[in-house]
C-alpha cells in the first residue's frame, strides 16, 4: 500500500533493518538512560553519521543540479 503521495510508508519491517545497518556502520547512536532510570536505545547520528550525512547531502545536491540542467536544456529544445 502506498501513501497518497506515491511513497511507500515506513513500517517496522523495513525501518528497523535500515536503522540496524546504519548502527552497525557506526552512523547511529547508543543506549542511554531514560528519566526513569531504564536503558533505552535512542537513534541519533554519531559524529561519523553527521559526516556521512554531509557527504551524501552534497552528492545529492550535485545530482539534483545536474538533473536540473538536463531538464533546462530539454525545455530549450535541445535534444
N, C-alpha and C. Protein backbone atom coordinates (compact mmCIF):
# COMPACT_ATOMS: atom_id res chain seq x y z
N UNK A 1 0.85 -1.18 0.00
CA UNK A 1 0.00 0.00 0.00
C UNK A 1 0.90 1.24 0.00
N UNK A 2 0.57 2.18 -0.83
CA UNK A 2 1.35 3.41 -0.97
C UNK A 2 0.67 4.55 -0.22
N UNK A 3 1.49 5.52 0.17
CA UNK A 3 0.95 6.76 0.73
C UNK A 3 0.28 7.54 -0.39
N UNK A 4 -0.53 8.54 -0.04
CA UNK A 4 -1.23 9.33 -1.05
C UNK A 4 -0.27 10.08 -1.97
N UNK A 5 0.96 10.31 -1.50
CA UNK A 5 1.94 11.00 -2.36
C UNK A 5 2.76 10.03 -3.22
N UNK A 6 2.40 8.75 -3.20
CA UNK A 6 3.08 7.76 -4.04
C UNK A 6 4.30 7.12 -3.41
N UNK A 7 4.61 7.48 -2.18
CA UNK A 7 5.76 6.88 -1.50
C UNK A 7 5.31 5.69 -0.68
N UNK A 8 6.26 4.82 -0.39
CA UNK A 8 5.97 3.66 0.44
C UNK A 8 6.07 4.06 1.90
N UNK A 9 5.09 3.67 2.72
CA UNK A 9 5.16 4.04 4.14
C UNK A 9 6.28 3.28 4.85
N UNK A 10 6.86 3.92 5.85
CA UNK A 10 7.86 3.26 6.68
C UNK A 10 7.12 2.31 7.62
N UNK A 11 7.56 1.07 7.66
CA UNK A 11 6.98 0.09 8.57
C UNK A 11 8.11 -0.47 9.43
N UNK A 12 7.73 -1.15 10.51
CA UNK A 12 8.75 -1.77 11.34
C UNK A 12 9.57 -2.76 10.54
N UNK A 13 8.94 -3.40 9.57
CA UNK A 13 9.61 -4.40 8.76
C UNK A 13 10.72 -3.85 7.89
N UNK A 14 10.62 -2.57 7.49
CA UNK A 14 11.70 -2.00 6.69
C UNK A 14 12.48 -0.92 7.42
N UNK A 15 11.92 -0.36 8.47
CA UNK A 15 12.60 0.69 9.21
C UNK A 15 13.72 0.15 10.10
N UNK A 16 13.41 -0.83 10.92
CA UNK A 16 14.41 -1.31 11.87
C UNK A 16 15.61 -1.99 11.21
N UNK A 17 15.44 -2.77 10.16
CA UNK A 17 16.64 -3.30 9.49
C UNK A 17 17.54 -2.17 8.96
N UNK A 18 16.93 -1.12 8.44
CA UNK A 18 17.73 0.02 7.96
C UNK A 18 18.46 0.70 9.12
N UNK A 19 17.77 0.90 10.23
CA UNK A 19 18.40 1.51 11.40
C UNK A 19 19.54 0.65 11.92
N UNK A 20 19.34 -0.66 11.94
CA UNK A 20 20.39 -1.57 12.42
C UNK A 20 21.61 -1.55 11.50
N UNK A 21 21.38 -1.48 10.18
CA UNK A 21 22.51 -1.39 9.25
C UNK A 21 23.31 -0.11 9.50
N UNK A 22 22.61 1.01 9.68
CA UNK A 22 23.30 2.27 9.96
C UNK A 22 24.05 2.20 11.28
N UNK A 23 23.44 1.57 12.26
CA UNK A 23 24.09 1.42 13.57
C UNK A 23 25.33 0.55 13.45
N UNK A 24 25.24 -0.52 12.68
CA UNK A 24 26.38 -1.43 12.50
C UNK A 24 27.55 -0.74 11.80
N UNK A 25 27.26 0.27 11.02
CA UNK A 25 28.32 1.04 10.35
C UNK A 25 28.80 2.22 11.20
N UNK A 26 28.31 2.32 12.42
CA UNK A 26 28.75 3.37 13.33
C UNK A 26 28.16 4.74 13.03
N UNK A 27 27.03 4.77 12.31
CA UNK A 27 26.44 6.04 11.92
C UNK A 27 25.31 6.49 12.84
N UNK A 28 24.78 5.56 13.61
CA UNK A 28 23.70 5.87 14.56
C UNK A 28 24.11 5.51 15.97
N UNK A 29 23.35 6.05 16.93
CA UNK A 29 23.80 6.08 18.30
C UNK A 29 23.17 5.07 19.23
N UNK A 30 23.48 5.13 20.34
CA UNK A 30 23.73 4.38 21.53
C UNK A 30 22.56 4.24 22.50
N UNK A 31 22.80 3.35 23.44
CA UNK A 31 21.90 3.20 24.57
C UNK A 31 22.12 4.35 25.54
N UNK A 32 21.03 4.83 26.11
CA UNK A 32 21.11 5.89 27.11
C UNK A 32 20.13 5.58 28.23
N UNK A 33 20.38 6.19 29.36
CA UNK A 33 19.46 6.02 30.48
C UNK A 33 18.33 7.04 30.34
N UNK A 34 17.10 6.57 30.55
CA UNK A 34 15.95 7.47 30.46
C UNK A 34 15.72 8.15 31.81
N UNK A 35 14.74 9.03 31.84
CA UNK A 35 14.38 9.73 33.08
C UNK A 35 13.96 8.76 34.18
N UNK A 36 13.46 7.60 33.79
CA UNK A 36 13.01 6.61 34.77
C UNK A 36 14.14 5.70 35.23
N UNK A 37 15.33 5.91 34.65
CA UNK A 37 16.48 5.09 35.05
C UNK A 37 16.65 3.83 34.21
N UNK A 38 15.76 3.58 33.27
CA UNK A 38 15.88 2.42 32.40
C UNK A 38 16.74 2.76 31.19
N UNK A 39 17.37 1.74 30.65
CA UNK A 39 18.16 1.93 29.43
C UNK A 39 17.23 1.83 28.23
N UNK A 40 17.44 2.71 27.27
CA UNK A 40 16.65 2.70 26.04
C UNK A 40 17.57 3.10 24.89
N UNK A 41 17.22 2.63 23.72
CA UNK A 41 18.02 2.96 22.55
C UNK A 41 17.43 4.21 21.91
N UNK A 42 18.28 5.19 21.69
CA UNK A 42 17.89 6.42 21.02
C UNK A 42 18.68 6.49 19.72
N UNK A 43 17.98 6.63 18.62
CA UNK A 43 18.64 6.70 17.33
C UNK A 43 18.98 8.16 17.03
N UNK A 44 20.26 8.46 17.18
CA UNK A 44 20.80 9.79 16.86
C UNK A 44 22.04 9.57 16.02
N UNK A 45 22.32 10.56 15.17
CA UNK A 45 23.54 10.46 14.37
C UNK A 45 24.77 10.58 15.26
N UNK A 46 25.74 9.76 14.99
CA UNK A 46 27.05 9.88 15.62
C UNK A 46 27.85 10.95 14.85
N UNK A 47 29.02 11.27 15.32
CA UNK A 47 29.90 12.20 14.60
C UNK A 47 30.17 11.66 13.19
N UNK A 48 30.45 10.37 13.11
CA UNK A 48 30.68 9.72 11.82
C UNK A 48 29.41 9.79 10.96
N UNK A 49 28.25 9.63 11.58
CA UNK A 49 26.99 9.70 10.86
C UNK A 49 26.72 11.09 10.30
N UNK A 50 27.06 12.12 11.08
CA UNK A 50 26.90 13.50 10.59
C UNK A 50 27.80 13.78 9.39
N UNK A 51 29.03 13.30 9.47
CA UNK A 51 29.97 13.48 8.35
C UNK A 51 29.44 12.77 7.11
N UNK A 52 28.91 11.56 7.29
CA UNK A 52 28.36 10.81 6.16
C UNK A 52 27.14 11.52 5.58
N UNK A 53 26.30 12.07 6.45
CA UNK A 53 25.12 12.82 6.00
C UNK A 53 25.54 14.02 5.16
N UNK A 54 26.56 14.74 5.61
CA UNK A 54 27.05 15.89 4.85
C UNK A 54 27.57 15.46 3.48
N UNK A 55 28.29 14.35 3.44
CA UNK A 55 28.80 13.82 2.17
C UNK A 55 27.66 13.45 1.24
N UNK A 56 26.67 12.73 1.78
CA UNK A 56 25.54 12.29 0.97
C UNK A 56 24.69 13.47 0.51
N UNK A 57 24.51 14.47 1.38
CA UNK A 57 23.72 15.66 1.01
C UNK A 57 24.41 16.42 -0.11
N UNK A 58 25.74 16.55 -0.05
CA UNK A 58 26.48 17.24 -1.11
C UNK A 58 26.36 16.47 -2.43
N UNK A 59 26.44 15.16 -2.35
CA UNK A 59 26.30 14.33 -3.54
C UNK A 59 24.90 14.48 -4.14
N UNK A 60 23.90 14.47 -3.29
CA UNK A 60 22.52 14.64 -3.74
C UNK A 60 22.35 16.03 -4.39
N UNK A 61 22.94 17.05 -3.81
CA UNK A 61 22.86 18.40 -4.36
C UNK A 61 23.46 18.44 -5.76
N UNK A 62 24.62 17.82 -5.94
CA UNK A 62 25.25 17.79 -7.27
C UNK A 62 24.37 17.06 -8.27
N UNK A 63 23.77 15.95 -7.85
CA UNK A 63 22.90 15.19 -8.74
C UNK A 63 21.67 16.00 -9.14
N UNK A 64 21.02 16.66 -8.16
CA UNK A 64 19.82 17.43 -8.49
C UNK A 64 20.15 18.62 -9.39
N UNK A 65 21.33 19.22 -9.19
CA UNK A 65 21.74 20.32 -10.08
C UNK A 65 21.96 19.81 -11.50
N UNK A 66 22.57 18.64 -11.64
CA UNK A 66 22.81 18.06 -12.96
C UNK A 66 21.48 17.73 -13.65
N UNK A 67 20.56 17.13 -12.92
CA UNK A 67 19.25 16.81 -13.49
C UNK A 67 18.53 18.10 -13.88
N UNK A 68 18.64 19.12 -13.05
CA UNK A 68 18.04 20.41 -13.38
C UNK A 68 18.59 20.99 -14.67
N UNK A 69 19.89 20.87 -14.87
CA UNK A 69 20.50 21.34 -16.12
C UNK A 69 19.98 20.57 -17.33
N UNK A 70 19.86 19.26 -17.18
CA UNK A 70 19.34 18.44 -18.28
C UNK A 70 17.91 18.86 -18.60
N UNK A 71 17.09 19.05 -17.59
CA UNK A 71 15.71 19.45 -17.82
C UNK A 71 15.63 20.83 -18.47
N UNK A 72 16.47 21.72 -18.02
CA UNK A 72 16.51 23.08 -18.58
C UNK A 72 16.90 23.03 -20.05
N UNK A 73 17.90 22.22 -20.38
CA UNK A 73 18.31 22.07 -21.77
C UNK A 73 17.19 21.47 -22.62
N UNK A 74 16.47 20.49 -22.06
CA UNK A 74 15.41 19.84 -22.84
C UNK A 74 14.24 20.80 -23.06
N UNK A 75 14.00 21.70 -22.15
CA UNK A 75 12.93 22.69 -22.32
C UNK A 75 13.30 23.69 -23.41
N UNK A 76 14.60 23.90 -23.62
CA UNK A 76 15.06 24.85 -24.63
C UNK A 76 15.08 24.26 -26.02
N UNK A 77 14.65 23.03 -26.16
CA UNK A 77 14.58 22.42 -27.49
C UNK A 77 15.81 21.62 -27.86
N UNK A 78 16.78 21.53 -26.98
CA UNK A 78 17.96 20.73 -27.28
C UNK A 78 17.63 19.28 -27.02
N UNK A 79 17.88 18.43 -28.00
CA UNK A 79 17.56 17.01 -27.81
C UNK A 79 18.80 16.16 -27.82
